[in-house]
Amino acid sequence: MISSLIHLARLTRAGFVFARAGVFGIVDPADLPPAARFAQRLGRLIEAPKSDKSIGRISAALRHLGPSYVKLGQFLATRPDVVGVNLARDLESLQDRMPPFPQADAEATIVAAFDRPLQDSYVSFGPAVAAASIAQVHRAEIEKDGKRHVVAVKVLRPDVSHSFKVDLDAFKYAARQMEALSADARRLRLGEIVATLHRSVAMEMDLRLEAAALSEMAENTRDDPDFHVPKVDWDRTAHSVLTMEWIDGIALNDHAKLDATHVDRPDLARKVIQSFLRHALRDGFFHADMHPGNLFVDDTGRLVAVDFGIMGRLGLRERRFLAEILYGFITRNYLRVAEVHFEAGYVPPYHSVENFAQAIRAIGEPIHNRTAQEISMAKLLTLLFEVTAIFDMETRPELLLLQKTMVVVEGVARGFDPKLDIWSTAEPVVREWIERNLGPIGKIEGAVTGASDLGKIATGLPAIAARSVALLDRAEAITRNGLLLAPETVEAIGRAERRQSRWLAAGIWAIAIALFAAVWILR
């Protein structure tokens, strides 16, 4: 229970920072339950005078609270169903930038990772060229085959695991309490959201996993003429160090250099959109942080992506869903778009397909009456998710991550070609995938895969039958004799429940007293 008080103290501090930054003023009180509305009014009493720009308030508060909260903000940008569309849109521009940690610490991390002197790994090792919450990147040189090669070296921040663990434990505690008190929190599965964030951060903190993502995407895209992935130096890669090919290119956020080299901007916009869709549909594996700072164009005109810490995956069912709804909107086949939702099991069967198709038509028809530059595929998906909520479609985190990435990708592309026709640019990629996977060849391959799966199931039937008999025997014994608990067990459960209730009540009073004290001091 001491840990509960520690979590409450950390969350109270975070609430105070949010209140001072004016974040509570951005939230619409109409969407809050009575207790939360009271807390919001209380928090607004200690609000410091600020500008009306919500993103300035939120960014300042998240950065003040540290790297874990910056990551939380970036993650919640992918969940408009949790924080609302407007707040999610604001959070999309939150960049993960931090001051670099000392050069000596980076060198010590490398020495410890490889258990050899720094000069045995790198001929030269320069200062940090970029720094974020989890790691920073250095320019270095290695000697290979008698020649020097420039490489990029990503080094994990010292003690970053501990600082993230403390904050993530507090997030888990908050999610559990909110789910215990709110049906909406249970519907949104806040505990699962925090668990997903925890897994994402854990994967980012093992740079070998990022190296594996680089390697996998390099294999997927080796024949793509418009896209390149840096090569990994596995001999100089470990848990806390990642060495890869140095990219000599122009970042897509450096518009002056792009103009000076006369880059074909509309063609660059096409490459951005089609590369992303190709990775998502064809490979089911896409870069989920494609902001302009992570994208370069090399001297051959290829797109080059860096920072593979955040990746998205789509299974075959999700890819079919995405392709068919995009193609359905392109061809105005709204009934097929509705049917795909039901076939995927995303919308419960007790709803009417025809009514759902009518709701989808309300989204699609206005789009076809607009000019090319007014059509947004990302906005289309956002509206679609809003409509599906009416029809009890459960939250699909992988699709929300895709939608968030599509918002960023589309914004990057339109920055180079404001008149970009999203539909005509996307149509060849979507049509190619549908013809390949839902046409005759795809159906034959699906039948072969299905037969193989049936064979595996048939092979395992004897073991399944044996386990089923054992379970039935146990169930019969419980039914006959009852499920018995020792008196000591019952008493222990009662003590635990009473203790948890007391600590929860004490924690709530502690937060209230802290807020009232803050109001009294600052009034």
Protein backbone atom coordinates (compact mmCIF):
# COMPACT_ATOMS: atom_id res chain seq x y z
CA MET A 1 0.00 0.00 0.00
CA ILE A 2 3.01 2.29 0.35
CA SER A 3 3.37 1.99 -3.42
CA SER A 4 -0.22 3.25 -3.80
CA LEU A 5 0.66 6.39 -1.84
CA ILE A 6 3.78 6.88 -3.97
CA HIS A 7 1.70 6.58 -7.16
CA LEU A 8 -0.87 9.01 -5.75
CA ALA A 9 1.86 11.51 -4.88
CA ARG A 10 3.33 11.35 -8.39
CA LEU A 11 -0.10 11.65 -10.01
CA THR A 12 -1.00 14.58 -7.73
CA ARG A 13 2.18 16.36 -8.83
CA ALA A 14 1.27 15.70 -12.48
CA GLY A 15 -2.26 17.00 -11.89
CA PHE A 16 -0.85 20.15 -10.29
CA VAL A 17 1.46 20.74 -13.29
CA PHE A 18 -1.43 20.23 -15.73
CA ALA A 19 -3.64 22.57 -13.70
CA ARG A 20 -0.99 25.32 -13.58
CA ALA A 21 -0.40 24.97 -17.32
CA GLY A 22 -4.13 25.44 -18.01
CA VAL A 23 -4.67 22.01 -19.51
CA PHE A 24 -7.92 21.54 -17.55
CA GLY A 25 -9.34 24.55 -19.37
CA ILE A 26 -9.09 22.70 -22.70
CA VAL A 27 -11.34 19.83 -21.54
CA ASP A 28 -15.07 20.20 -22.20
CA PRO A 29 -16.79 19.73 -18.80
CA ALA A 30 -19.93 18.42 -20.50
CA ASP A 31 -18.05 15.21 -21.32
CA LEU A 32 -17.03 14.61 -17.69
CA PRO A 33 -18.85 12.87 -14.83
CA PRO A 34 -19.85 15.10 -11.84
CA ALA A 35 -16.83 14.20 -9.68
CA ALA A 36 -14.43 14.94 -12.53
CA ARG A 37 -16.20 18.26 -13.26
CA PHE A 38 -15.65 19.26 -9.63
CA ALA A 39 -11.94 18.36 -9.88
CA GLN A 40 -11.68 20.35 -13.11
CA ARG A 41 -13.21 23.45 -11.52
CA LEU A 42 -10.86 23.07 -8.57
CA GLY A 43 -7.85 22.70 -10.85
CA ARG A 44 -8.74 25.80 -12.84
CA LEU A 45 -8.48 27.91 -9.69
CA ILE A 46 -4.68 27.49 -9.74
CA GLU A 47 -4.33 28.01 -13.49
CA ALA A 48 -1.50 30.37 -14.43
CA PRO A 49 -2.16 33.10 -17.05
CA LYS A 50 -1.32 31.61 -20.46
CA SER A 51 -1.97 32.10 -24.12
CA ASP A 52 -5.04 30.45 -25.60
CA LYS A 53 -3.02 28.00 -27.68
CA SER A 54 -3.86 24.57 -26.32
CA ILE A 55 -0.84 22.88 -27.87
CA GLY A 56 1.45 25.35 -26.09
CA ARG A 57 -0.15 24.47 -22.76
CA ILE A 58 -0.09 20.72 -23.28
CA SER A 59 3.44 20.60 -24.69
CA ALA A 60 4.79 22.73 -21.85
CA ALA A 61 3.15 20.54 -19.21
CA LEU A 62 4.28 17.25 -20.78
CA ARG A 63 7.85 18.45 -21.25
CA HIS A 64 7.97 19.76 -17.68
CA LEU A 65 6.90 16.35 -16.36
CA GLY A 66 9.66 14.56 -18.27
CA PRO A 67 10.31 11.99 -21.03
CA SER A 68 7.65 9.50 -19.90
CA TYR A 69 4.91 12.09 -20.26
CA VAL A 70 6.20 13.20 -23.67
CA LYS A 71 5.93 9.58 -24.79
CA LEU A 72 2.45 9.37 -23.25
CA GLY A 73 1.40 12.47 -25.19
CA GLN A 74 2.73 11.06 -28.45
CA PHE A 75 1.00 7.77 -27.78
CA LEU A 76 -2.34 9.41 -26.94
CA ALA A 77 -2.13 11.24 -30.27
CA THR A 78 -2.92 7.83 -31.76
CA ARG A 79 -6.03 7.45 -29.58
CA PRO A 80 -8.62 10.12 -30.51
CA ASP A 81 -11.24 7.78 -29.06
CA VAL A 82 -9.69 8.40 -25.63
CA VAL A 83 -8.63 12.07 -25.65
CA GLY A 84 -10.93 13.42 -28.36
CA VAL A 85 -10.20 14.35 -31.96
CA ASN A 86 -9.15 17.96 -31.29
CA LEU A 87 -6.72 17.14 -28.50
CA ALA A 88 -5.28 14.20 -30.47
CA ARG A 89 -4.70 16.52 -33.43
CA ASP A 90 -2.85 18.96 -31.17
CA LEU A 91 -0.70 16.19 -29.73
CA GLU A 92 0.37 15.05 -33.21
CA SER A 93 2.78 17.98 -33.43
CA LEU A 94 4.45 17.11 -30.11
CA GLN A 95 8.03 16.22 -30.99
CA ASP A 96 10.28 14.07 -28.84
CA ARG A 97 13.30 16.37 -28.45
CA MET A 98 15.47 16.53 -25.35
CA PRO A 99 18.86 18.05 -24.47
CA PRO A 100 21.72 15.59 -25.13
CA PHE A 101 23.32 13.79 -22.22
CA PRO A 102 27.11 14.12 -21.70
CA GLN A 103 29.52 12.73 -24.28
CA ALA A 104 31.42 10.87 -21.55
CA ASP A 105 28.24 8.98 -20.57
CA ALA A 106 27.64 7.93 -24.18
CA GLU A 107 31.21 6.67 -24.52
CA ALA A 108 30.97 4.79 -21.21
CA THR A 109 27.74 3.11 -22.38
CA ILE A 110 29.47 1.90 -25.57
CA VAL A 111 32.50 0.60 -23.67
CA ALA A 112 30.24 -1.33 -21.28
CA ALA A 113 28.07 -2.68 -24.12
CA PHE A 114 30.97 -4.14 -26.11
CA ASP A 115 33.38 -4.78 -23.23
CA ARG A 116 36.28 -3.22 -25.12
CA PRO A 117 37.85 0.25 -25.47
CA LEU A 118 35.94 2.80 -27.55
CA GLN A 119 38.73 3.04 -30.16
CA ASP A 120 38.41 -0.70 -30.81
CA SER A 121 34.84 -0.13 -31.98
CA TYR A 122 35.07 3.26 -33.72
CA VAL A 123 37.96 5.11 -35.34
CA SER A 124 36.30 8.38 -34.39
CA PHE A 125 33.23 9.20 -32.31
CA GLY A 126 31.71 12.68 -32.59
CA PRO A 127 29.26 14.65 -30.43
CA ALA A 128 25.50 14.05 -30.48
CA VAL A 129 23.70 15.29 -33.59
CA ALA A 130 20.17 14.55 -32.29
CA ALA A 131 18.71 13.69 -28.88
CA ALA A 132 15.34 12.36 -27.72
CA SER A 133 13.81 10.97 -24.53
CA ILE A 134 15.19 7.45 -24.87
CA ALA A 135 18.40 7.78 -26.89
CA GLN A 136 20.63 10.12 -28.87
CA VAL A 137 22.54 9.78 -32.15
CA HIS A 138 26.26 10.38 -32.80
CA ARG A 139 28.26 10.55 -36.02
CA ALA A 140 31.20 8.15 -35.99
CA GLU A 141 33.64 6.36 -38.28
CA ILE A 142 34.58 2.69 -38.54
CA GLU A 143 37.32 0.91 -40.46
CA LYS A 144 36.25 -1.94 -42.70
CA ASP A 145 38.21 -3.66 -45.48
CA GLY A 146 40.95 -1.07 -45.14
CA LYS A 147 38.54 1.84 -45.69
CA ARG A 148 36.82 4.31 -43.41
CA HIS A 149 33.03 4.41 -43.39
CA VAL A 150 30.78 6.97 -41.72
CA VAL A 151 28.10 5.49 -39.46
CA ALA A 152 25.31 6.69 -37.21
CA VAL A 153 25.48 5.43 -33.62
CA LYS A 154 22.37 5.50 -31.44
CA VAL A 155 23.08 5.31 -27.70
CA LEU A 156 20.53 4.69 -24.94
CA ARG A 157 20.23 7.28 -22.17
CA PRO A 158 21.75 6.18 -18.84
CA ASP A 159 19.18 4.99 -16.26
CA VAL A 160 16.32 5.65 -18.69
CA SER A 161 14.69 2.30 -17.84
CA HIS A 162 14.22 3.18 -14.16
CA SER A 163 12.72 6.63 -14.77
CA PHE A 164 10.24 5.24 -17.29
CA LYS A 165 9.32 2.32 -15.02
CA VAL A 166 8.39 4.60 -12.11
CA ASP A 167 6.08 6.75 -14.26
CA LEU A 168 4.56 3.81 -16.13
CA ASP A 169 3.74 2.10 -12.84
CA ALA A 170 1.87 5.27 -11.83
CA PHE A 171 0.01 5.25 -15.17
CA LYS A 172 -1.02 1.62 -14.58
CA TYR A 173 -2.28 2.47 -11.09
CA ALA A 174 -4.33 5.40 -12.44
CA ALA A 175 -5.82 3.22 -15.19
CA ARG A 176 -6.85 0.53 -12.67
CA GLN A 177 -8.57 3.06 -10.42
CA MET A 178 -10.37 4.72 -13.32
CA GLU A 179 -11.60 1.38 -14.65
CA ALA A 180 -12.87 0.48 -11.18
CA LEU A 181 -14.88 3.71 -11.00
CA SER A 182 -15.96 4.36 -14.61
CA ALA A 183 -17.80 2.27 -17.20
CA ASP A 184 -16.41 4.54 -19.95
CA ALA A 185 -12.86 3.81 -18.78
CA ARG A 186 -13.61 0.09 -18.97
CA ARG A 187 -15.07 0.47 -22.47
CA LEU A 188 -11.96 2.35 -23.62
CA ARG A 189 -9.78 -0.30 -21.94
CA LEU A 190 -7.44 2.20 -20.32
CA GLY A 191 -5.44 -0.58 -18.68
CA GLU A 192 -4.78 -2.10 -22.08
CA ILE A 193 -3.75 1.31 -23.43
CA VAL A 194 -1.15 1.72 -20.69
CA ALA A 195 0.03 -1.86 -21.22
CA THR A 196 0.47 -1.15 -24.93
CA LEU A 197 2.46 2.00 -24.12
CA HIS A 198 4.59 -0.05 -21.71
CA ARG A 199 5.35 -2.66 -24.40
CA SER A 200 6.14 0.05 -26.95
CA VAL A 201 8.57 1.81 -24.62
CA ALA A 202 10.16 -1.50 -23.57
CA MET A 203 10.81 -2.34 -27.21
CA GLU A 204 12.29 1.11 -27.85
CA MET A 205 14.66 0.62 -24.92
CA ASP A 206 16.23 -2.47 -26.51
CA LEU A 207 18.03 -1.13 -29.56
CA ARG A 208 18.51 -4.66 -30.89
CA LEU A 209 14.76 -4.70 -31.55
CA GLU A 210 14.99 -1.46 -33.52
CA ALA A 211 17.85 -3.00 -35.47
CA ALA A 212 15.60 -5.99 -36.20
CA ALA A 213 12.86 -3.62 -37.43
CA LEU A 214 15.39 -1.93 -39.73
CA SER A 215 16.48 -5.30 -41.04
CA GLU A 216 12.92 -6.53 -41.61
CA MET A 217 11.87 -3.40 -43.47
CA ALA A 218 15.06 -3.49 -45.54
CA GLU A 219 14.11 -7.01 -46.67
CA ASN A 220 10.53 -5.94 -47.41
CA THR A 221 11.61 -2.92 -49.49
CA ARG A 222 14.76 -4.22 -51.20
CA ASP A 223 13.07 -4.07 -54.63
CA ASP A 224 11.31 -0.73 -54.07
CA PRO A 225 12.90 1.90 -56.34
CA ASP A 226 11.64 4.87 -54.28
CA PHE A 227 12.51 3.78 -50.73
CA HIS A 228 15.69 2.91 -48.83
CA VAL A 229 16.43 1.72 -45.29
CA PRO A 230 19.86 2.20 -43.61
CA LYS A 231 21.91 -0.99 -43.22
CA VAL A 232 22.55 -2.27 -39.70
CA ASP A 233 26.08 -3.00 -38.46
CA TRP A 234 25.25 -6.02 -36.27
CA ASP A 235 28.87 -6.34 -35.05
CA ARG A 236 28.50 -2.94 -33.34
CA THR A 237 24.93 -3.31 -32.11
CA ALA A 238 23.84 -4.31 -28.60
CA HIS A 239 21.01 -3.69 -26.11
CA SER A 240 22.05 -0.05 -25.57
CA VAL A 241 23.91 0.73 -28.82
CA LEU A 242 22.75 0.63 -32.45
CA THR A 243 25.17 1.26 -35.32
CA MET A 244 23.85 1.77 -38.83
CA GLU A 245 24.65 3.30 -42.18
CA TRP A 246 25.02 7.10 -42.15
CA ILE A 247 22.55 8.79 -44.47
CA ASP A 248 23.86 11.64 -46.62
CA GLY A 249 20.57 13.19 -47.63
CA ILE A 250 18.33 16.18 -47.15
CA ALA A 251 15.74 16.02 -44.37
CA LEU A 252 12.22 16.67 -45.60
CA ASN A 253 11.86 19.49 -43.07
CA ASP A 254 14.81 21.37 -44.66
CA HIS A 255 12.84 23.18 -47.35
CA ALA A 256 15.67 25.59 -48.20
CA LYS A 257 18.02 22.75 -49.20
CA LEU A 258 15.26 20.95 -51.07
CA ASP A 259 14.60 24.10 -53.09
CA ALA A 260 18.32 24.64 -53.72
CA THR A 261 18.65 21.13 -55.19
CA HIS A 262 15.46 21.53 -57.29
CA VAL A 263 13.74 18.44 -55.90
CA ASP A 264 10.55 17.53 -57.76
CA ARG A 265 8.08 18.31 -54.97
CA PRO A 266 4.92 16.69 -56.45
CA ASP A 267 6.91 13.53 -57.19
CA LEU A 268 8.25 13.52 -53.63
CA ALA A 269 4.68 13.82 -52.32
CA ARG A 270 3.66 10.81 -54.44
CA LYS A 271 6.58 8.75 -53.08
CA VAL A 272 5.65 9.54 -49.49
CA ILE A 273 2.00 8.46 -49.89
CA GLN A 274 2.60 5.39 -52.03
CA SER A 275 5.54 4.12 -49.98
CA PHE A 276 3.52 4.29 -46.77
CA LEU A 277 0.49 2.55 -48.29
CA ARG A 278 2.68 -0.10 -49.91
CA HIS A 279 4.33 -0.91 -46.59
CA ALA A 280 1.01 -1.00 -44.72
CA LEU A 281 -0.89 -3.09 -47.30
CA ARG A 282 1.74 -5.26 -48.95
CA ASP A 283 3.99 -5.89 -45.94
CA GLY A 284 1.69 -5.29 -42.96
CA PHE A 285 4.66 -3.52 -41.35
CA PHE A 286 5.02 0.25 -41.47
CA HIS A 287 7.02 3.09 -39.98
CA ALA A 288 4.65 4.73 -37.49
CA ASP A 289 6.63 7.95 -36.87
CA MET A 290 7.00 9.40 -40.37
CA HIS A 291 7.32 13.06 -39.48
CA PRO A 292 9.60 15.15 -41.80
CA GLY A 293 12.57 14.95 -39.42
CA ASN A 294 12.64 11.15 -39.83
CA LEU A 295 12.53 11.22 -43.63
CA PHE A 296 15.34 12.13 -46.03
CA VAL A 297 15.77 12.24 -49.79
CA ASP A 298 19.13 10.98 -51.07
CA ASP A 299 21.03 12.06 -54.18
CA THR A 300 19.23 9.43 -56.29
CA GLY A 301 15.80 10.77 -55.30
CA ARG A 302 14.92 7.87 -52.99
CA LEU A 303 13.11 8.36 -49.69
CA VAL A 304 15.19 7.21 -46.71
CA ALA A 305 13.57 6.65 -43.30
CA VAL A 306 15.34 6.68 -39.92
CA ASP A 307 14.29 6.10 -36.29
CA PHE A 308 12.47 2.78 -36.36
CA GLY A 309 11.58 2.79 -32.66
CA ILE A 310 7.82 3.02 -33.31
CA MET A 311 6.48 0.51 -35.85
CA GLY A 312 2.98 -0.58 -36.76
CA ARG A 313 1.77 -4.03 -37.79
CA LEU A 314 -1.38 -5.10 -39.61
CA GLY A 315 -2.51 -8.69 -39.96
CA LEU A 316 -4.00 -9.96 -43.21
CA ARG A 317 -7.53 -9.32 -41.94
CA GLU A 318 -6.70 -5.69 -41.07
CA ARG A 319 -4.99 -5.19 -44.44
CA ARG A 320 -7.97 -6.57 -46.30
CA PHE A 321 -10.22 -4.33 -44.23
CA LEU A 322 -8.12 -1.24 -45.05
CA ALA A 323 -7.82 -2.03 -48.76
CA GLU A 324 -11.49 -2.79 -49.24
CA ILE A 325 -12.79 0.27 -47.41
CA LEU A 326 -10.40 2.57 -49.29
CA TYR A 327 -11.33 0.97 -52.61
CA GLY A 328 -15.00 1.04 -51.65
CA PHE A 329 -14.84 4.79 -51.05
CA ILE A 330 -12.91 5.30 -54.30
CA THR A 331 -15.59 3.39 -56.26
CA ARG A 332 -18.47 4.69 -54.08
CA ASN A 333 -19.49 1.12 -53.16
CA TYR A 334 -20.72 1.96 -49.66
CA LEU A 335 -22.59 -1.31 -49.17
CA ARG A 336 -19.33 -3.21 -49.67
CA VAL A 337 -17.57 -0.93 -47.17
CA ALA A 338 -20.29 -1.77 -44.63
CA GLU A 339 -20.13 -5.50 -45.38
CA VAL A 340 -16.35 -5.53 -44.81
CA HIS A 341 -16.88 -4.16 -41.27
CA PHE A 342 -19.31 -6.99 -40.50
CA GLU A 343 -17.18 -9.69 -42.15
CA ALA A 344 -14.16 -8.61 -40.08
CA GLY A 345 -16.27 -8.85 -36.92
CA TYR A 346 -15.64 -5.20 -36.05
CA VAL A 347 -19.36 -4.29 -35.92
CA PRO A 348 -21.70 -6.57 -33.89
CA PRO A 349 -24.10 -8.63 -36.06
CA TYR A 350 -27.22 -7.29 -34.34
CA HIS A 351 -26.83 -4.03 -36.31
CA SER A 352 -28.24 -3.57 -39.80
CA VAL A 353 -25.76 -3.66 -42.69
CA GLU A 354 -28.02 -1.35 -44.69
CA ASN A 355 -28.22 1.24 -41.89
CA PHE A 356 -24.45 1.12 -41.51
CA ALA A 357 -24.03 1.58 -45.28
CA GLN A 358 -26.32 4.63 -45.06
CA ALA A 359 -24.11 6.15 -42.35
CA ILE A 360 -21.00 5.48 -44.46
CA ARG A 361 -22.62 7.10 -47.47
CA ALA A 362 -23.03 10.26 -45.37
CA ILE A 363 -19.24 10.33 -45.07
CA GLY A 364 -18.35 9.36 -48.64
CA GLU A 365 -20.70 11.43 -50.76
CA PRO A 366 -19.52 14.87 -49.58
CA ILE A 367 -15.94 13.86 -50.39
CA HIS A 368 -16.75 13.12 -54.03
CA ASN A 369 -18.20 16.61 -54.43
CA ARG A 370 -14.92 18.29 -53.44
CA THR A 371 -11.81 19.17 -55.38
CA ALA A 372 -8.75 16.93 -55.17
CA GLN A 373 -6.88 19.19 -52.75
CA GLU A 374 -9.84 19.22 -50.35
CA ILE A 375 -10.00 15.42 -50.03
CA SER A 376 -8.23 13.93 -47.02
CA MET A 377 -7.88 10.17 -46.66
CA ALA A 378 -6.81 10.62 -43.04
CA LYS A 379 -9.88 12.74 -42.28
CA LEU A 380 -12.03 10.13 -43.99
CA LEU A 381 -10.73 7.43 -41.62
CA THR A 382 -11.23 9.74 -38.64
CA LEU A 383 -14.88 10.32 -39.59
CA LEU A 384 -15.32 6.61 -40.25
CA PHE A 385 -14.12 5.71 -36.74
CA GLU A 386 -16.50 8.30 -35.27
CA VAL A 387 -19.45 6.76 -37.13
CA THR A 388 -18.48 3.18 -36.25
CA ALA A 389 -18.54 4.12 -32.54
CA ILE A 390 -22.30 4.68 -32.94
CA PHE A 391 -22.58 1.09 -34.16
CA ASP A 392 -20.64 -0.29 -31.16
CA MET A 393 -17.41 -1.00 -33.05
CA GLU A 394 -14.72 -1.84 -30.50
CA THR A 395 -11.54 0.20 -30.42
CA ARG A 396 -8.88 -1.23 -32.76
CA PRO A 397 -5.49 0.13 -31.57
CA GLU A 398 -3.63 -1.07 -34.66
CA LEU A 399 -6.05 0.76 -36.97
CA LEU A 400 -5.88 3.92 -34.85
CA LEU A 401 -2.08 3.86 -35.09
CA LEU A 402 -2.45 3.50 -38.85
CA GLN A 403 -4.88 6.42 -38.97
CA LYS A 404 -2.56 8.61 -36.88
CA THR A 405 0.39 7.77 -39.12
CA MET A 406 -1.72 8.49 -42.19
CA VAL A 407 -2.52 11.95 -40.80
CA VAL A 408 1.21 12.67 -40.48
CA VAL A 409 2.08 11.16 -43.88
CA GLU A 410 -0.67 13.06 -45.64
CA GLY A 411 0.43 16.29 -43.97
CA VAL A 412 4.02 15.73 -45.15
CA ALA A 413 2.85 14.99 -48.71
CA ARG A 414 0.56 18.01 -48.91
CA GLY A 415 3.44 20.17 -47.69
CA PHE A 416 5.17 19.37 -50.97
CA ASP A 417 2.08 19.37 -53.19
CA PRO A 418 -0.95 21.25 -51.79
CA LYS A 419 -3.00 20.12 -54.83
CA LEU A 420 -2.17 16.45 -54.36
CA ASP A 421 -5.02 14.16 -55.40
CA ILE A 422 -4.92 11.59 -52.60
CA TRP A 423 -7.34 9.18 -54.28
CA SER A 424 -5.57 9.00 -57.65
CA THR A 425 -2.21 8.66 -55.87
CA ALA A 426 -3.42 5.85 -53.61
CA GLU A 427 -5.55 4.01 -56.18
CA PRO A 428 -2.74 2.09 -58.01
CA VAL A 429 -1.33 0.72 -54.73
CA VAL A 430 -4.74 -0.25 -53.34
CA ARG A 431 -5.92 -1.76 -56.64
CA GLU A 432 -2.70 -3.77 -57.04
CA TRP A 433 -3.07 -5.23 -53.55
CA ILE A 434 -6.73 -6.13 -54.07
CA GLU A 435 -6.05 -7.77 -57.44
CA ARG A 436 -3.16 -9.75 -55.99
CA ASN A 437 -4.76 -10.83 -52.71
CA LEU A 438 -8.51 -10.89 -53.37
CA GLY A 439 -8.36 -12.02 -56.99
CA PRO A 440 -8.02 -15.61 -58.31
CA ILE A 441 -4.37 -16.02 -57.23
CA GLY A 442 -5.11 -14.74 -53.73
CA LYS A 443 -8.10 -17.07 -53.39
CA ILE A 444 -6.00 -20.09 -54.42
CA GLU A 445 -3.28 -19.16 -51.91
CA GLY A 446 -5.95 -18.63 -49.24
CA ALA A 447 -7.40 -22.08 -49.92
CA VAL A 448 -3.93 -23.67 -49.63
CA THR A 449 -3.28 -21.86 -46.35
CA GLY A 450 -6.70 -22.90 -45.05
CA ALA A 451 -6.05 -26.56 -45.91
CA SER A 452 -2.70 -26.38 -44.11
CA ASP A 453 -4.36 -24.90 -41.02
CA LEU A 454 -7.02 -27.62 -41.05
CA GLY A 455 -4.28 -30.25 -41.23
CA LYS A 456 -2.57 -28.76 -38.15
CA ILE A 457 -5.88 -28.73 -36.27
CA ALA A 458 -6.58 -32.35 -37.23
CA THR A 459 -3.14 -33.41 -36.01
CA GLY A 460 -3.80 -31.82 -32.62
CA LEU A 461 -7.31 -33.23 -32.13
CA PRO A 462 -6.29 -36.20 -29.92
CA ALA A 463 -4.46 -33.92 -27.47
CA ILE A 464 -7.41 -31.49 -27.46
CA ALA A 465 -9.83 -34.34 -26.74
CA ALA A 466 -7.68 -35.60 -23.83
CA ARG A 467 -7.52 -32.13 -22.25
CA SER A 468 -11.29 -31.69 -22.71
CA VAL A 469 -12.01 -34.96 -20.86
CA ALA A 470 -9.73 -33.89 -18.00
CA LEU A 471 -11.48 -30.50 -17.73
CA LEU A 472 -14.91 -32.13 -17.74
CA ASP A 473 -13.83 -34.47 -14.93
CA ARG A 474 -12.67 -31.47 -12.85
CA ALA A 475 -15.88 -29.54 -13.57
CA GLU A 476 -17.96 -32.55 -12.51
CA ALA A 477 -16.01 -32.85 -9.24
CA ILE A 478 -16.54 -29.14 -8.48
CA THR A 479 -20.25 -29.44 -9.27
CA ARG A 480 -20.59 -32.49 -7.02
CA ASN A 481 -18.46 -31.31 -4.08
CA GLY A 482 -18.56 -27.55 -4.46
CA LEU A 483 -15.63 -25.13 -4.70
CA LEU A 484 -14.23 -25.00 -1.18
CA LEU A 485 -12.12 -22.21 0.25
CA ALA A 486 -10.25 -22.53 3.53
CA PRO A 487 -11.49 -20.18 6.31
CA GLU A 488 -8.04 -18.57 6.38
CA THR A 489 -8.35 -17.78 2.65
CA VAL A 490 -11.79 -16.18 3.09
CA GLU A 491 -10.53 -14.06 5.99
CA ALA A 492 -7.44 -12.99 4.01
CA ILE A 493 -9.61 -11.91 1.08
CA GLY A 494 -11.80 -9.84 3.42
CA ARG A 495 -8.78 -8.16 5.04
CA ALA A 496 -7.32 -7.32 1.62
CA GLU A 497 -10.59 -5.78 0.41
CA ARG A 498 -10.99 -3.68 3.58
CA ARG A 499 -7.37 -2.53 3.42
CA GLN A 500 -7.66 -1.56 -0.28
CA SER A 501 -10.84 0.45 0.38
CA ARG A 502 -9.19 2.35 3.26
CA TRP A 503 -6.11 3.21 1.20
CA LEU A 504 -8.18 4.28 -1.80
CA ALA A 505 -10.26 6.60 0.38
CA ALA A 506 -7.12 8.00 2.00
CA GLY A 507 -5.55 8.58 -1.40
CA ILE A 508 -8.59 10.48 -2.70
CA TRP A 509 -8.61 12.67 0.42
CA ALA A 510 -4.85 13.27 -0.01
CA ILE A 511 -5.36 14.53 -3.56
CA ALA A 512 -8.25 16.76 -2.50
CA ILE A 513 -6.27 18.22 0.43
CA ALA A 514 -3.25 18.82 -1.81
CA LEU A 515 -5.35 20.69 -4.36
CA PHE A 516 -7.10 22.78 -1.70
CA ALA A 517 -3.71 23.62 -0.16
CA ALA A 518 -2.39 24.68 -3.53
CA VAL A 519 -5.43 26.90 -4.09
CA TRP A 520 -4.99 28.50 -0.64
CA ILE A 521 -1.28 29.16 -1.19
CA LEU A 522 -1.66 30.63 -4.68
CA ARG A 523 -4.83 32.63 -4.21
